[in-house]
C-alpha atoms as a PDB file:
ATOM      1  CA  MET A   1       1.614  49.139 -11.557  1.00  0.00           C
ATOM      2  CA  ALA A   2       0.149  46.570 -12.183  1.00  0.00           C
ATOM      3  CA  ALA A   3      -2.467  44.485 -10.122  1.00  0.00           C
ATOM      4  CA  CYS A   4      -3.910  40.636 -10.295  1.00  0.00           C
ATOM      5  CA  LEU A   5      -7.271  39.759  -9.503  1.00  0.00           C
ATOM      6  CA  LEU A   6      -8.233  36.115  -8.176  1.00  0.00           C
ATOM      7  CA  THR A   7     -11.791  35.272  -7.671  1.00  0.00           C
ATOM      8  CA  PRO A   8     -12.126  33.588  -3.817  1.00  0.00           C
ATOM      9  CA  SER A   9     -11.494  29.987  -5.153  1.00  0.00           C
ATOM     10  CA  ALA A  10      -8.395  30.668  -7.658  1.00  0.00           C
ATOM     11  CA  ALA A  11      -7.154  32.536  -4.235  1.00  0.00           C
ATOM     12  CA  ALA A  12      -7.757  29.489  -2.327  1.00  0.00           C
ATOM     13  CA  GLU A  13      -6.283  27.190  -4.807  1.00  0.00           C
ATOM     14  CA  SER A  14      -3.137  29.204  -5.186  1.00  0.00           C
ATOM     15  CA  ARG A  15      -2.620  28.833  -1.312  1.00  0.00           C
ATOM     16  CA  ARG A  16      -2.839  25.105  -1.009  1.00  0.00           C
ATOM     17  CA  PRO A  17       0.430  23.255  -1.379  1.00  0.00           C
ATOM     18  CA  ARG A  18       1.318  21.080  -4.811  1.00  0.00           C
ATOM     19  CA  VAL A  19       0.933  17.755  -4.437  1.00  0.00           C
ATOM     20  CA  VAL A  20       4.160  15.916  -6.002  1.00  0.00           C
ATOM     21  CA  LYS A  21       4.264  11.951  -6.802  1.00  0.00           C
ATOM     22  CA  VAL A  22       6.891  10.380  -5.387  1.00  0.00           C
ATOM     23  CA  ALA A  23       7.982   6.734  -6.224  1.00  0.00           C
ATOM     24  CA  VAL A  24       9.645   4.963  -3.465  1.00  0.00           C
ATOM     25  CA  LEU A  25      10.446   0.909  -3.685  1.00  0.00           C
ATOM     26  CA  ASN A  26       8.197  -0.434  -1.044  1.00  0.00           C
ATOM     27  CA  ASP A  27       9.711  -3.298   1.262  1.00  0.00           C
ATOM     28  CA  THR A  28      13.426  -1.696   1.419  1.00  0.00           C
ATOM     29  CA  THR A  29      15.523  -0.279   3.828  1.00  0.00           C
ATOM     30  CA  PHE A  30      15.134   2.903   2.532  1.00  0.00           C
ATOM     31  CA  ALA A  31      10.635   2.847   2.374  1.00  0.00           C
ATOM     32  CA  ASP A  32       8.281   0.901   3.701  1.00  0.00           C
ATOM     33  CA  GLN A  33       4.656   0.725   3.505  1.00  0.00           C
ATOM     34  CA  ASP A  34       2.633  -0.928   6.539  1.00  0.00           C
ATOM     35  CA  GLU A  35      -0.504  -2.895   6.839  1.00  0.00           C
ATOM     36  CA  ASN A  36      -1.810   0.530   7.577  1.00  0.00           C
ATOM     37  CA  GLY A  37      -0.659   2.449   4.925  1.00  0.00           C
ATOM     38  CA  VAL A  38       2.134   4.438   6.659  1.00  0.00           C
ATOM     39  CA  TRP A  39       5.490   4.837   4.921  1.00  0.00           C
ATOM     40  CA  SER A  40       8.516   5.135   6.906  1.00  0.00           C
ATOM     41  CA  GLY A  41      12.285   4.879   6.137  1.00  0.00           C
ATOM     42  CA  MET A  42      15.151   7.017   5.257  1.00  0.00           C
ATOM     43  CA  ASP A  43      13.781   8.242   1.433  1.00  0.00           C
ATOM     44  CA  VAL A  44      10.272   8.609   3.149  1.00  0.00           C
ATOM     45  CA  GLU A  45      11.571  10.469   6.113  1.00  0.00           C
ATOM     46  CA  PHE A  46      13.718  12.831   3.690  1.00  0.00           C
ATOM     47  CA  MET A  47      11.199  13.282   1.093  1.00  0.00           C
ATOM     48  CA  ILE A  48       8.992  14.727   3.851  1.00  0.00           C
ATOM     49  CA  SER A  49      11.490  17.310   5.508  1.00  0.00           C
ATOM     50  CA  VAL A  50      12.323  18.582   1.815  1.00  0.00           C
ATOM     51  CA  ALA A  51       8.578  19.029   1.080  1.00  0.00           C
ATOM     52  CA  GLN A  52       7.994  20.841   4.184  1.00  0.00           C
ATOM     53  CA  LYS A  53      10.932  23.199   3.830  1.00  0.00           C
ATOM     54  CA  ALA A  54       9.755  23.674   0.507  1.00  0.00           C
ATOM     55  CA  GLY A  55       6.055  23.885   0.926  1.00  0.00           C
ATOM     56  CA  PHE A  56       4.976  20.904  -1.142  1.00  0.00           C
ATOM     57  CA  THR A  57       3.067  17.699  -0.023  1.00  0.00           C
ATOM     58  CA  VAL A  58       3.742  14.486  -1.154  1.00  0.00           C
ATOM     59  CA  GLU A  59       1.735  11.511  -2.535  1.00  0.00           C
ATOM     60  CA  PHE A  60       4.248   7.950  -1.776  1.00  0.00           C
ATOM     61  CA  ILE A  61       3.421   5.461  -4.576  1.00  0.00           C
ATOM     62  CA  ASP A  62       4.842   1.922  -4.571  1.00  0.00           C
ATOM     63  CA  SER A  63       6.666   1.427  -7.388  1.00  0.00           C
ATOM     64  CA  PHE A  64       7.755  -1.901  -6.613  1.00  0.00           C
ATOM     65  CA  ASN A  65       6.700  -3.929  -9.130  1.00  0.00           C
ATOM     66  CA  ASP A  66       6.675  -0.898 -12.007  1.00  0.00           C
ATOM     67  CA  PRO A  67       8.472  -2.335 -15.158  1.00  0.00           C
ATOM     68  CA  ASP A  68       9.333   0.514 -16.497  1.00  0.00           C
ATOM     69  CA  PHE A  69      10.081   2.994 -13.629  1.00  0.00           C
ATOM     70  CA  LEU A  70      11.656   5.824 -15.530  1.00  0.00           C
ATOM     71  CA  GLY A  71       9.483   5.858 -18.404  1.00  0.00           C
ATOM     72  CA  SER A  72       6.588   6.070 -15.436  1.00  0.00           C
ATOM     73  CA  LEU A  73       8.788   9.197 -14.555  1.00  0.00           C
ATOM     74  CA  ASP A  74       8.698  10.557 -18.217  1.00  0.00           C
ATOM     75  CA  ASN A  75       5.030   9.738 -18.911  1.00  0.00           C
ATOM     76  CA  GLY A  76       3.958  11.917 -15.542  1.00  0.00           C
ATOM     77  CA  THR A  77       3.386   8.980 -13.299  1.00  0.00           C
ATOM     78  CA  TYR A  78       5.587   9.808 -10.968  1.00  0.00           C
ATOM     79  CA  ASP A  79       7.290  13.337 -10.221  1.00  0.00           C
ATOM     80  CA  ILE A  80      10.325  12.021  -8.631  1.00  0.00           C
ATOM     81  CA  VAL A  81      11.945   8.626  -8.409  1.00  0.00           C
END
């Protein structure tokens, strides 16, 4: 039988939810960030629901002024667009 030993910090790290960087187009019907930095909208609510069910957290990134939206997905700026 194989065993895996983790240091306390590694064990804590493995329980920490992964943060997924989500590109959103701010100031649209689907995503909007208010003056306090709180995101709302259909895309935002959908991603929060998916993240809760899948066990990860999301970091929303305003991609409205990104001239190379898909290139930024390829280079790791975003995980999901």
